N, C-alpha and C. Protein backbone atom coordinates (compact mmCIF):
# COMPACT_ATOMS: atom_id res chain seq x y z
N MET A 1 -19.09 -7.24 -32.65
CA MET A 1 -19.06 -7.64 -34.06
C MET A 1 -19.59 -9.07 -34.22
N LYS A 2 -19.11 -9.96 -33.33
CA LYS A 2 -19.55 -11.36 -33.40
C LYS A 2 -21.05 -11.47 -33.14
N ASN A 3 -21.57 -10.67 -32.20
CA ASN A 3 -23.00 -10.71 -31.90
C ASN A 3 -23.83 -10.25 -33.09
N ARG A 4 -23.32 -9.27 -33.84
CA ARG A 4 -24.05 -8.79 -35.03
C ARG A 4 -24.09 -9.87 -36.10
N ILE A 5 -22.97 -10.58 -36.28
CA ILE A 5 -22.93 -11.66 -37.28
C ILE A 5 -23.90 -12.78 -36.90
N LYS A 6 -23.90 -13.13 -35.59
CA LYS A 6 -24.82 -14.18 -35.13
C LYS A 6 -26.26 -13.77 -35.35
N SER A 7 -26.58 -12.51 -35.05
CA SER A 7 -27.94 -12.02 -35.23
C SER A 7 -28.32 -12.02 -36.71
N TYR A 8 -27.37 -11.66 -37.57
CA TYR A 8 -27.63 -11.62 -39.01
C TYR A 8 -27.98 -13.00 -39.53
N TRP A 9 -27.16 -14.01 -39.20
CA TRP A 9 -27.44 -15.37 -39.67
C TRP A 9 -28.72 -15.93 -39.08
N SER A 10 -28.98 -15.59 -37.84
CA SER A 10 -30.21 -16.07 -37.22
C SER A 10 -31.43 -15.51 -37.94
N ASN A 11 -31.40 -14.23 -38.28
CA ASN A 11 -32.52 -13.61 -39.00
C ASN A 11 -32.67 -14.19 -40.40
N CYS A 12 -31.54 -14.44 -41.09
CA CYS A 12 -31.59 -15.01 -42.44
C CYS A 12 -32.23 -16.40 -42.43
N LEU A 13 -31.81 -17.22 -41.46
CA LEU A 13 -32.38 -18.57 -41.37
C LEU A 13 -33.87 -18.53 -41.06
N SER A 14 -34.25 -17.59 -40.20
CA SER A 14 -35.67 -17.47 -39.86
C SER A 14 -36.48 -17.06 -41.09
N ILE A 15 -35.98 -16.09 -41.85
CA ILE A 15 -36.67 -15.65 -43.07
C ILE A 15 -36.75 -16.77 -44.09
N ALA A 16 -35.65 -17.53 -44.23
CA ALA A 16 -35.64 -18.64 -45.19
C ALA A 16 -36.67 -19.69 -44.80
N ALA A 17 -36.78 -19.95 -43.50
CA ALA A 17 -37.75 -20.94 -43.02
C ALA A 17 -39.17 -20.49 -43.32
N ILE A 18 -39.44 -19.19 -43.15
CA ILE A 18 -40.78 -18.66 -43.43
C ILE A 18 -41.10 -18.76 -44.93
N ILE A 19 -40.12 -18.41 -45.77
CA ILE A 19 -40.32 -18.48 -47.23
C ILE A 19 -40.62 -19.91 -47.66
N CYS A 20 -39.84 -20.85 -47.13
CA CYS A 20 -40.07 -22.26 -47.49
C CYS A 20 -41.45 -22.73 -47.04
N SER A 21 -41.89 -22.24 -45.88
CA SER A 21 -43.23 -22.62 -45.41
C SER A 21 -44.31 -22.09 -46.35
N VAL A 22 -44.15 -20.84 -46.79
CA VAL A 22 -45.12 -20.25 -47.72
C VAL A 22 -45.13 -21.01 -49.05
N VAL A 23 -43.94 -21.34 -49.56
CA VAL A 23 -43.84 -22.09 -50.83
C VAL A 23 -44.51 -23.45 -50.69
N ALA A 24 -44.29 -24.09 -49.56
CA ALA A 24 -44.88 -25.41 -49.33
C ALA A 24 -46.40 -25.34 -49.34
N ILE A 25 -46.94 -24.27 -48.75
CA ILE A 25 -48.39 -24.10 -48.73
C ILE A 25 -48.92 -23.86 -50.14
N CYS A 26 -48.21 -23.02 -50.90
CA CYS A 26 -48.64 -22.70 -52.27
C CYS A 26 -48.62 -23.93 -53.17
N VAL A 27 -47.62 -24.75 -53.04
CA VAL A 27 -47.50 -25.95 -53.88
C VAL A 27 -48.59 -26.95 -53.54
N SER A 28 -48.97 -26.96 -52.29
CA SER A 28 -49.97 -27.96 -51.88
C SER A 28 -51.40 -27.54 -52.24
N LEU A 29 -51.61 -26.32 -52.75
CA LEU A 29 -52.96 -25.85 -53.07
C LEU A 29 -53.61 -26.56 -54.26
N PRO A 30 -52.90 -26.85 -55.38
CA PRO A 30 -53.57 -27.52 -56.52
C PRO A 30 -54.22 -28.83 -56.08
N SER A 31 -55.47 -29.03 -56.61
CA SER A 31 -56.21 -30.23 -56.19
C SER A 31 -55.80 -31.45 -56.98
N ALA A 32 -55.32 -31.23 -58.22
CA ALA A 32 -54.97 -32.37 -59.07
C ALA A 32 -53.52 -32.73 -58.85
N PRO A 33 -53.29 -33.88 -58.36
CA PRO A 33 -51.90 -34.30 -58.15
C PRO A 33 -51.20 -34.51 -59.48
N GLU A 34 -49.96 -34.16 -59.54
CA GLU A 34 -49.17 -34.33 -60.74
C GLU A 34 -48.09 -35.37 -60.49
N LEU A 35 -47.81 -36.07 -61.57
CA LEU A 35 -46.76 -37.07 -61.46
C LEU A 35 -45.41 -36.40 -61.64
N GLY A 36 -44.45 -36.92 -61.04
CA GLY A 36 -43.10 -36.36 -61.17
C GLY A 36 -42.42 -36.28 -59.82
N ILE A 37 -41.53 -35.33 -59.74
CA ILE A 37 -40.77 -35.17 -58.50
C ILE A 37 -41.70 -34.71 -57.39
N ASP A 38 -41.50 -35.27 -56.22
CA ASP A 38 -42.30 -34.89 -55.06
C ASP A 38 -41.74 -33.59 -54.50
N TYR A 39 -42.22 -32.49 -55.11
CA TYR A 39 -41.70 -31.19 -54.69
C TYR A 39 -42.03 -30.89 -53.24
N ILE A 40 -43.21 -31.33 -52.84
CA ILE A 40 -43.61 -31.07 -51.45
C ILE A 40 -42.66 -31.75 -50.48
N GLY A 41 -42.29 -32.99 -50.80
CA GLY A 41 -41.36 -33.72 -49.93
C GLY A 41 -40.01 -33.04 -49.86
N VAL A 42 -39.57 -32.57 -51.08
CA VAL A 42 -38.26 -31.87 -51.10
C VAL A 42 -38.32 -30.61 -50.26
N ILE A 43 -39.41 -29.86 -50.45
CA ILE A 43 -39.55 -28.59 -49.71
C ILE A 43 -39.64 -28.85 -48.21
N VAL A 44 -40.43 -29.86 -47.85
CA VAL A 44 -40.56 -30.21 -46.43
C VAL A 44 -39.21 -30.61 -45.85
N GLY A 45 -38.44 -31.37 -46.65
CA GLY A 45 -37.10 -31.78 -46.19
C GLY A 45 -36.18 -30.59 -45.98
N ILE A 46 -36.21 -29.67 -47.00
CA ILE A 46 -35.38 -28.46 -46.87
C ILE A 46 -35.81 -27.63 -45.67
N LEU A 47 -37.14 -27.52 -45.53
CA LEU A 47 -37.67 -26.76 -44.40
C LEU A 47 -37.25 -27.37 -43.07
N SER A 48 -37.32 -28.69 -43.00
CA SER A 48 -36.92 -29.38 -41.77
C SER A 48 -35.45 -29.15 -41.47
N LEU A 49 -34.63 -29.20 -42.55
CA LEU A 49 -33.19 -28.97 -42.38
C LEU A 49 -32.92 -27.55 -41.87
N LEU A 50 -33.63 -26.58 -42.47
CA LEU A 50 -33.43 -25.19 -42.04
C LEU A 50 -33.87 -24.97 -40.60
N VAL A 51 -35.01 -25.57 -40.25
CA VAL A 51 -35.50 -25.46 -38.87
C VAL A 51 -34.50 -26.08 -37.89
N THR A 52 -33.97 -27.25 -38.29
CA THR A 52 -32.97 -27.91 -37.45
C THR A 52 -31.73 -27.04 -37.27
N MET A 53 -31.28 -26.45 -38.40
CA MET A 53 -30.11 -25.56 -38.33
C MET A 53 -30.39 -24.35 -37.44
N LEU A 54 -31.61 -23.81 -37.57
CA LEU A 54 -31.98 -22.65 -36.77
C LEU A 54 -31.99 -22.99 -35.28
N ILE A 55 -32.57 -24.14 -34.96
CA ILE A 55 -32.60 -24.57 -33.55
C ILE A 55 -31.18 -24.78 -33.02
N GLY A 56 -30.35 -25.44 -33.86
CA GLY A 56 -28.96 -25.67 -33.46
C GLY A 56 -28.22 -24.36 -33.24
N TRP A 57 -28.49 -23.40 -34.14
CA TRP A 57 -27.84 -22.09 -34.00
C TRP A 57 -28.24 -21.40 -32.70
N GLN A 58 -29.52 -21.49 -32.35
CA GLN A 58 -29.99 -20.88 -31.10
C GLN A 58 -29.38 -21.57 -29.88
N ILE A 59 -29.27 -22.91 -29.96
CA ILE A 59 -28.65 -23.65 -28.86
C ILE A 59 -27.20 -23.22 -28.69
N TRP A 60 -26.50 -23.07 -29.83
CA TRP A 60 -25.09 -22.64 -29.78
C TRP A 60 -24.97 -21.25 -29.15
N ASN A 61 -25.94 -20.37 -29.49
CA ASN A 61 -25.95 -19.03 -28.89
C ASN A 61 -26.12 -19.09 -27.38
N VAL A 62 -27.03 -19.96 -26.94
CA VAL A 62 -27.28 -20.12 -25.50
C VAL A 62 -26.02 -20.60 -24.79
N ILE A 63 -25.34 -21.59 -25.40
CA ILE A 63 -24.10 -22.11 -24.81
C ILE A 63 -23.03 -21.02 -24.73
N ALA A 64 -22.92 -20.22 -25.82
CA ALA A 64 -21.93 -19.14 -25.83
C ALA A 64 -22.23 -18.11 -24.75
N ILE A 65 -23.52 -17.79 -24.58
CA ILE A 65 -23.92 -16.83 -23.54
C ILE A 65 -23.60 -17.37 -22.16
N ASP A 66 -23.86 -18.68 -21.96
CA ASP A 66 -23.55 -19.31 -20.66
C ASP A 66 -22.06 -19.22 -20.35
N LYS A 67 -21.23 -19.44 -21.39
CA LYS A 67 -19.78 -19.35 -21.18
C LYS A 67 -19.37 -17.93 -20.79
N LYS A 68 -19.99 -16.95 -21.46
CA LYS A 68 -19.68 -15.55 -21.14
C LYS A 68 -20.09 -15.22 -19.71
N ILE A 69 -21.27 -15.71 -19.31
CA ILE A 69 -21.75 -15.47 -17.95
C ILE A 69 -20.81 -16.10 -16.93
N ASP A 70 -20.39 -17.35 -17.21
CA ASP A 70 -19.45 -18.03 -16.31
C ASP A 70 -18.14 -17.25 -16.19
N GLY A 71 -17.67 -16.72 -17.33
CA GLY A 71 -16.43 -15.93 -17.32
C GLY A 71 -16.58 -14.66 -16.48
N LYS A 72 -17.72 -13.98 -16.65
CA LYS A 72 -17.96 -12.76 -15.88
C LYS A 72 -18.07 -13.06 -14.39
N VAL A 73 -18.77 -14.16 -14.07
CA VAL A 73 -18.92 -14.55 -12.66
C VAL A 73 -17.56 -14.85 -12.04
N LYS A 74 -16.72 -15.58 -12.78
CA LYS A 74 -15.37 -15.91 -12.27
C LYS A 74 -14.54 -14.65 -12.09
N GLN A 75 -14.63 -13.75 -13.07
CA GLN A 75 -13.86 -12.50 -12.99
C GLN A 75 -14.30 -11.67 -11.79
N THR A 76 -15.63 -11.58 -11.59
CA THR A 76 -16.15 -10.83 -10.44
C THR A 76 -15.75 -11.48 -9.13
N SER A 77 -15.82 -12.82 -9.10
CA SER A 77 -15.45 -13.56 -7.89
C SER A 77 -13.98 -13.35 -7.54
N ASP A 78 -13.11 -13.41 -8.56
CA ASP A 78 -11.67 -13.19 -8.33
C ASP A 78 -11.41 -11.78 -7.83
N SER A 79 -12.12 -10.81 -8.41
CA SER A 79 -11.93 -9.42 -8.00
C SER A 79 -12.36 -9.21 -6.55
N LEU A 80 -13.51 -9.82 -6.18
CA LEU A 80 -13.99 -9.71 -4.80
C LEU A 80 -13.04 -10.39 -3.83
N THR A 81 -12.53 -11.57 -4.23
CA THR A 81 -11.59 -12.29 -3.36
C THR A 81 -10.33 -11.47 -3.12
N GLU A 82 -9.82 -10.86 -4.19
CA GLU A 82 -8.61 -10.03 -4.05
C GLU A 82 -8.87 -8.83 -3.15
N SER A 83 -10.04 -8.20 -3.32
CA SER A 83 -10.40 -7.05 -2.49
C SER A 83 -10.53 -7.45 -1.03
N ILE A 84 -11.15 -8.61 -0.79
CA ILE A 84 -11.31 -9.10 0.59
C ILE A 84 -9.96 -9.39 1.22
N ASN A 85 -9.05 -9.99 0.45
CA ASN A 85 -7.71 -10.32 0.97
C ASN A 85 -6.94 -9.05 1.34
N VAL A 86 -7.05 -8.01 0.48
CA VAL A 86 -6.36 -6.74 0.77
C VAL A 86 -6.92 -6.11 2.04
N THR A 87 -8.26 -6.09 2.15
CA THR A 87 -8.90 -5.52 3.34
C THR A 87 -8.52 -6.30 4.60
N LYS A 88 -8.49 -7.63 4.47
CA LYS A 88 -8.12 -8.49 5.60
C LYS A 88 -6.69 -8.21 6.06
N LYS A 89 -5.79 -8.07 5.09
CA LYS A 89 -4.38 -7.78 5.42
C LYS A 89 -4.26 -6.43 6.13
N GLU A 90 -4.98 -5.42 5.63
CA GLU A 90 -4.93 -4.09 6.25
C GLU A 90 -5.49 -4.14 7.67
N MET A 91 -6.56 -4.90 7.87
CA MET A 91 -7.15 -5.02 9.20
C MET A 91 -6.19 -5.70 10.18
N ILE A 92 -5.54 -6.77 9.71
CA ILE A 92 -4.58 -7.49 10.57
C ILE A 92 -3.42 -6.57 10.96
N GLU A 93 -2.89 -5.82 9.97
CA GLU A 93 -1.78 -4.89 10.26
C GLU A 93 -2.22 -3.82 11.26
N TYR A 94 -3.45 -3.32 11.09
CA TYR A 94 -3.95 -2.29 12.01
C TYR A 94 -4.10 -2.84 13.42
N ILE A 95 -4.65 -4.06 13.53
CA ILE A 95 -4.84 -4.67 14.85
C ILE A 95 -3.50 -4.96 15.52
N GLU A 96 -2.54 -5.47 14.73
CA GLU A 96 -1.21 -5.75 15.29
C GLU A 96 -0.54 -4.48 15.79
N LYS A 97 -0.65 -3.41 15.01
CA LYS A 97 -0.05 -2.14 15.41
C LYS A 97 -0.73 -1.60 16.66
N ALA A 98 -2.08 -1.72 16.70
CA ALA A 98 -2.82 -1.24 17.88
C ALA A 98 -2.43 -2.04 19.12
N ASN A 99 -2.27 -3.37 18.96
CA ASN A 99 -1.87 -4.21 20.09
C ASN A 99 -0.47 -3.84 20.58
N GLU A 100 0.45 -3.65 19.62
CA GLU A 100 1.82 -3.28 19.99
C GLU A 100 1.84 -1.93 20.71
N LYS A 101 1.03 -1.00 20.21
CA LYS A 101 0.95 0.32 20.83
C LYS A 101 0.43 0.21 22.26
N SER A 102 -0.63 -0.58 22.45
CA SER A 102 -1.20 -0.75 23.79
C SER A 102 -0.20 -1.39 24.74
N GLN A 103 0.50 -2.43 24.27
CA GLN A 103 1.48 -3.11 25.11
C GLN A 103 2.62 -2.16 25.51
N THR A 104 3.08 -1.34 24.54
CA THR A 104 4.17 -0.40 24.83
C THR A 104 3.72 0.64 25.85
N GLU A 105 2.50 1.16 25.69
CA GLU A 105 1.99 2.16 26.63
C GLU A 105 1.86 1.57 28.03
N ILE A 106 1.41 0.32 28.11
CA ILE A 106 1.28 -0.34 29.41
C ILE A 106 2.66 -0.53 30.05
N MET A 107 3.63 -1.00 29.26
CA MET A 107 4.97 -1.25 29.78
C MET A 107 5.64 0.05 30.25
N THR A 108 5.51 1.12 29.46
CA THR A 108 6.12 2.39 29.87
C THR A 108 5.45 2.93 31.14
N SER A 109 4.14 2.75 31.25
CA SER A 109 3.44 3.18 32.47
C SER A 109 3.93 2.41 33.69
N LEU A 110 4.12 1.09 33.51
CA LEU A 110 4.61 0.27 34.62
C LEU A 110 6.03 0.67 35.02
N LEU A 111 6.88 0.93 34.01
CA LEU A 111 8.26 1.36 34.31
C LEU A 111 8.27 2.70 35.05
N PHE A 112 7.39 3.60 34.64
CA PHE A 112 7.31 4.91 35.30
C PHE A 112 6.87 4.75 36.75
N ILE A 113 5.87 3.91 36.97
CA ILE A 113 5.40 3.66 38.34
C ILE A 113 6.49 3.00 39.17
N GLN A 114 7.21 2.07 38.56
CA GLN A 114 8.32 1.41 39.25
C GLN A 114 9.41 2.42 39.63
N GLY A 115 9.69 3.36 38.70
CA GLY A 115 10.66 4.41 39.00
C GLY A 115 10.21 5.26 40.18
N ASP A 116 8.93 5.62 40.20
CA ASP A 116 8.40 6.40 41.34
C ASP A 116 8.53 5.62 42.64
N ASN A 117 8.31 4.31 42.56
CA ASN A 117 8.42 3.47 43.75
C ASN A 117 9.86 3.44 44.27
N PHE A 118 10.83 3.30 43.34
CA PHE A 118 12.24 3.32 43.74
C PHE A 118 12.62 4.68 44.32
N LEU A 119 12.09 5.74 43.71
CA LEU A 119 12.38 7.09 44.19
C LEU A 119 11.84 7.28 45.61
N PHE A 120 10.65 6.76 45.84
CA PHE A 120 10.03 6.85 47.16
C PHE A 120 10.85 6.10 48.21
N LYS A 121 11.47 4.98 47.80
CA LYS A 121 12.28 4.17 48.72
C LYS A 121 13.74 4.64 48.78
N SER A 122 14.02 5.76 48.12
CA SER A 122 15.37 6.34 48.09
C SER A 122 16.37 5.44 47.36
N GLN A 123 15.88 4.61 46.47
CA GLN A 123 16.77 3.80 45.61
C GLN A 123 16.98 4.60 44.31
N PHE A 124 17.77 5.65 44.43
CA PHE A 124 17.87 6.65 43.36
C PHE A 124 18.49 6.11 42.07
N GLU A 125 19.45 5.20 42.21
CA GLU A 125 20.10 4.63 41.02
C GLU A 125 19.09 3.86 40.17
N ASN A 126 18.31 2.98 40.84
CA ASN A 126 17.29 2.20 40.13
C ASN A 126 16.19 3.11 39.56
N ALA A 127 15.83 4.13 40.32
CA ALA A 127 14.80 5.07 39.85
C ALA A 127 15.26 5.77 38.57
N LEU A 128 16.52 6.26 38.57
CA LEU A 128 17.05 6.94 37.39
C LEU A 128 17.04 6.03 36.17
N LEU A 129 17.46 4.78 36.37
CA LEU A 129 17.50 3.84 35.24
C LEU A 129 16.11 3.56 34.69
N ARG A 130 15.11 3.48 35.58
CA ARG A 130 13.75 3.22 35.11
C ARG A 130 13.23 4.40 34.27
N TYR A 131 13.49 5.60 34.71
CA TYR A 131 13.04 6.77 33.94
C TYR A 131 13.75 6.84 32.59
N LEU A 132 15.02 6.48 32.57
CA LEU A 132 15.76 6.44 31.30
C LEU A 132 15.23 5.34 30.38
N ASP A 133 14.79 4.22 30.97
CA ASP A 133 14.17 3.14 30.18
C ASP A 133 12.89 3.64 29.50
N VAL A 134 12.09 4.39 30.27
CA VAL A 134 10.84 4.92 29.71
C VAL A 134 11.14 5.87 28.54
N ILE A 135 12.11 6.76 28.73
CA ILE A 135 12.47 7.71 27.67
C ILE A 135 12.93 6.96 26.41
N SER A 136 13.76 5.93 26.58
CA SER A 136 14.25 5.15 25.44
C SER A 136 13.11 4.48 24.69
N ASP A 137 12.17 3.88 25.44
CA ASP A 137 11.03 3.21 24.81
C ASP A 137 10.17 4.20 24.02
N ILE A 138 9.94 5.36 24.59
CA ILE A 138 9.10 6.36 23.92
C ILE A 138 9.77 6.88 22.65
N ILE A 139 11.09 7.12 22.73
CA ILE A 139 11.82 7.64 21.57
C ILE A 139 11.84 6.61 20.44
N GLU A 140 12.01 5.34 20.79
CA GLU A 140 12.07 4.28 19.78
C GLU A 140 10.70 3.99 19.17
N LYS A 141 9.62 4.24 19.94
CA LYS A 141 8.27 3.97 19.45
C LYS A 141 7.42 5.22 19.68
N PRO A 142 7.57 6.22 18.81
CA PRO A 142 6.96 7.53 19.04
C PRO A 142 5.45 7.59 18.82
N TYR A 143 4.79 6.45 18.54
CA TYR A 143 3.34 6.51 18.35
C TYR A 143 2.58 6.49 19.68
N ILE A 144 3.31 6.50 20.80
CA ILE A 144 2.65 6.60 22.10
C ILE A 144 1.96 7.96 22.20
N GLU A 145 0.71 7.96 22.70
CA GLU A 145 -0.06 9.20 22.80
C GLU A 145 0.62 10.18 23.76
N ASN A 146 0.64 11.47 23.38
CA ASN A 146 1.20 12.53 24.22
C ASN A 146 2.61 12.21 24.67
N TYR A 147 3.43 11.69 23.76
CA TYR A 147 4.77 11.27 24.15
C TYR A 147 5.65 12.44 24.59
N SER A 148 5.39 13.63 24.10
CA SER A 148 6.16 14.81 24.52
C SER A 148 5.98 15.06 26.01
N ASP A 149 4.72 15.01 26.46
CA ASP A 149 4.43 15.21 27.88
C ASP A 149 5.07 14.11 28.72
N ALA A 150 5.02 12.87 28.20
CA ALA A 150 5.61 11.75 28.94
C ALA A 150 7.12 11.91 29.06
N ILE A 151 7.77 12.35 27.98
CA ILE A 151 9.23 12.55 28.02
C ILE A 151 9.59 13.67 29.00
N ASN A 152 8.83 14.76 28.97
CA ASN A 152 9.09 15.87 29.89
C ASN A 152 8.96 15.42 31.35
N ALA A 153 7.92 14.61 31.62
CA ALA A 153 7.72 14.12 32.98
C ALA A 153 8.88 13.23 33.42
N CYS A 154 9.35 12.37 32.50
CA CYS A 154 10.47 11.48 32.82
C CYS A 154 11.77 12.26 33.04
N ILE A 155 11.97 13.31 32.25
CA ILE A 155 13.18 14.13 32.42
C ILE A 155 13.20 14.79 33.80
N LEU A 156 12.04 15.32 34.22
CA LEU A 156 11.96 15.94 35.55
C LEU A 156 12.23 14.93 36.65
N LYS A 157 11.66 13.73 36.51
CA LYS A 157 11.86 12.68 37.51
C LYS A 157 13.32 12.21 37.51
N ALA A 158 13.91 12.09 36.31
CA ALA A 158 15.30 11.65 36.21
C ALA A 158 16.24 12.66 36.87
N ARG A 159 15.95 13.94 36.70
CA ARG A 159 16.76 14.97 37.35
C ARG A 159 16.65 14.88 38.87
N GLU A 160 15.44 14.62 39.32
CA GLU A 160 15.23 14.49 40.76
C GLU A 160 16.03 13.34 41.33
N ALA A 161 16.02 12.20 40.62
CA ALA A 161 16.79 11.04 41.09
C ALA A 161 18.29 11.27 40.93
N MET A 162 18.67 11.96 39.84
CA MET A 162 20.08 12.17 39.52
C MET A 162 20.80 12.98 40.61
N ARG A 163 20.06 13.89 41.26
CA ARG A 163 20.67 14.74 42.28
C ARG A 163 21.11 13.96 43.51
N SER A 164 20.53 12.77 43.69
CA SER A 164 20.82 12.01 44.92
C SER A 164 21.51 10.67 44.66
N VAL A 165 21.88 10.38 43.42
CA VAL A 165 22.47 9.06 43.14
C VAL A 165 23.88 8.97 43.69
N ASN A 166 24.27 7.74 43.95
CA ASN A 166 25.66 7.44 44.30
C ASN A 166 26.36 7.05 43.00
N ASN A 167 27.31 7.89 42.57
CA ASN A 167 27.96 7.67 41.27
C ASN A 167 28.65 6.32 41.17
N ASN A 168 29.29 5.91 42.24
CA ASN A 168 30.00 4.62 42.22
C ASN A 168 29.01 3.47 42.08
N GLU A 169 27.90 3.56 42.80
CA GLU A 169 26.88 2.51 42.71
C GLU A 169 26.25 2.50 41.32
N LEU A 170 26.03 3.69 40.75
CA LEU A 170 25.44 3.77 39.42
C LEU A 170 26.37 3.18 38.37
N LYS A 171 27.67 3.45 38.51
CA LYS A 171 28.65 2.86 37.58
C LYS A 171 28.63 1.34 37.65
N ARG A 172 28.39 0.83 38.85
CA ARG A 172 28.41 -0.63 39.04
C ARG A 172 27.21 -1.29 38.35
N VAL A 173 26.05 -0.68 38.44
CA VAL A 173 24.83 -1.31 37.91
C VAL A 173 24.56 -0.96 36.45
N LEU A 174 25.16 0.14 35.97
CA LEU A 174 24.88 0.59 34.60
C LEU A 174 25.92 0.03 33.63
N LYS A 175 25.47 -0.83 32.74
CA LYS A 175 26.36 -1.41 31.72
C LYS A 175 26.70 -0.34 30.66
N GLU A 176 27.89 -0.48 30.07
CA GLU A 176 28.35 0.51 29.10
C GLU A 176 27.43 0.57 27.87
N GLU A 177 27.01 -0.61 27.38
CA GLU A 177 26.14 -0.62 26.19
C GLU A 177 24.77 -0.03 26.50
N LYS A 178 24.32 -0.22 27.73
CA LYS A 178 23.04 0.36 28.14
C LYS A 178 23.16 1.88 28.23
N LYS A 179 24.29 2.35 28.74
CA LYS A 179 24.52 3.80 28.82
C LYS A 179 24.52 4.42 27.42
N GLU A 180 25.15 3.75 26.46
CA GLU A 180 25.18 4.26 25.09
C GLU A 180 23.77 4.30 24.50
N SER A 181 22.97 3.30 24.85
CA SER A 181 21.58 3.27 24.38
C SER A 181 20.79 4.45 24.94
N TYR A 182 20.99 4.75 26.22
CA TYR A 182 20.32 5.90 26.84
C TYR A 182 20.76 7.20 26.17
N LEU A 183 22.06 7.34 25.96
CA LEU A 183 22.59 8.57 25.34
C LEU A 183 22.04 8.77 23.92
N LYS A 184 21.94 7.67 23.18
CA LYS A 184 21.41 7.73 21.82
C LYS A 184 19.97 8.24 21.83
N ALA A 185 19.17 7.76 22.78
CA ALA A 185 17.77 8.19 22.89
C ALA A 185 17.68 9.64 23.35
N LEU A 186 18.48 10.02 24.34
CA LEU A 186 18.43 11.38 24.88
C LEU A 186 18.84 12.42 23.84
N LEU A 187 19.79 12.06 22.97
CA LEU A 187 20.25 12.99 21.94
C LEU A 187 19.17 13.27 20.89
N LYS A 188 18.15 12.41 20.80
CA LYS A 188 17.07 12.60 19.84
C LYS A 188 15.99 13.55 20.35
N ILE A 189 16.04 13.89 21.62
CA ILE A 189 15.03 14.79 22.19
C ILE A 189 15.28 16.21 21.69
N GLU A 190 14.23 16.85 21.20
CA GLU A 190 14.37 18.19 20.62
C GLU A 190 14.65 19.24 21.70
N GLY A 191 15.35 20.28 21.31
CA GLY A 191 15.57 21.42 22.20
C GLY A 191 16.58 21.20 23.31
N TYR A 192 17.35 20.14 23.21
CA TYR A 192 18.37 19.85 24.24
C TYR A 192 17.78 19.87 25.65
N LYS A 193 16.56 19.36 25.77
CA LYS A 193 15.90 19.36 27.08
C LYS A 193 16.63 18.49 28.10
N ALA A 194 17.32 17.46 27.60
CA ALA A 194 17.98 16.53 28.51
C ALA A 194 19.50 16.68 28.48
N ILE A 195 20.00 17.86 28.13
CA ILE A 195 21.44 18.05 27.98
C ILE A 195 22.19 17.80 29.28
N ASP A 196 21.58 18.19 30.42
CA ASP A 196 22.25 17.98 31.71
C ASP A 196 22.36 16.49 32.05
N ILE A 197 21.34 15.72 31.66
CA ILE A 197 21.38 14.27 31.91
C ILE A 197 22.44 13.63 31.01
N ILE A 198 22.53 14.11 29.77
CA ILE A 198 23.54 13.59 28.83
C ILE A 198 24.95 13.84 29.38
N ILE A 199 25.18 15.06 29.86
CA ILE A 199 26.50 15.41 30.42
C ILE A 199 26.81 14.53 31.63
N PHE A 200 25.79 14.31 32.46
CA PHE A 200 25.98 13.49 33.66
C PHE A 200 26.38 12.06 33.29
N LEU A 201 25.66 11.46 32.33
CA LEU A 201 25.95 10.08 31.93
C LEU A 201 27.33 9.97 31.29
N ARG A 202 27.69 10.93 30.49
CA ARG A 202 29.01 10.89 29.84
C ARG A 202 30.14 11.04 30.86
N GLY A 203 29.84 11.66 31.99
CA GLY A 203 30.86 11.85 33.01
C GLY A 203 31.08 10.64 33.90
N LEU A 204 30.23 9.61 33.74
CA LEU A 204 30.39 8.41 34.59
C LEU A 204 31.59 7.57 34.13
């Protein structure tokens, strides 16, 4: 609406300037000068005023357009900045999660290897605890790849170690709060796959 009004006034001023120019030419045609009011001077003055107003109006339009452009640029810049910040936050969260996942997988692999080493050395109590540590870590952080297979492997190894443990020695090294933590993790395994290990730990 504002643009239409501006265009309307601009056209009116332009037409008025053209009319005044034509009138000025017509008045200046008679060869015999007449005494009286200097109509040509008045017309030239009016014409000059109209031209000045027209130029001023165009300058004002340019300034208004510049302000609109600046506003659009700022709006676009703010939108891009917000989009970049959101993308940056998502990337950081993804990288942090990927790093945590990698660290957990490495730690569980090391614990599993350590359990195998204890089992090989006939340190059955330590081997059992390491396998239970792996199961607890996997249950608490289930984004580990193929965690079902890893849990099944740990259950088999834990059973192997459990058959040869010294109960008195296991009671000595296994803290009560740690035992509860193991039981909590084992109870989350589907299908009661570790029910025998749960019964064994509860009997200590």
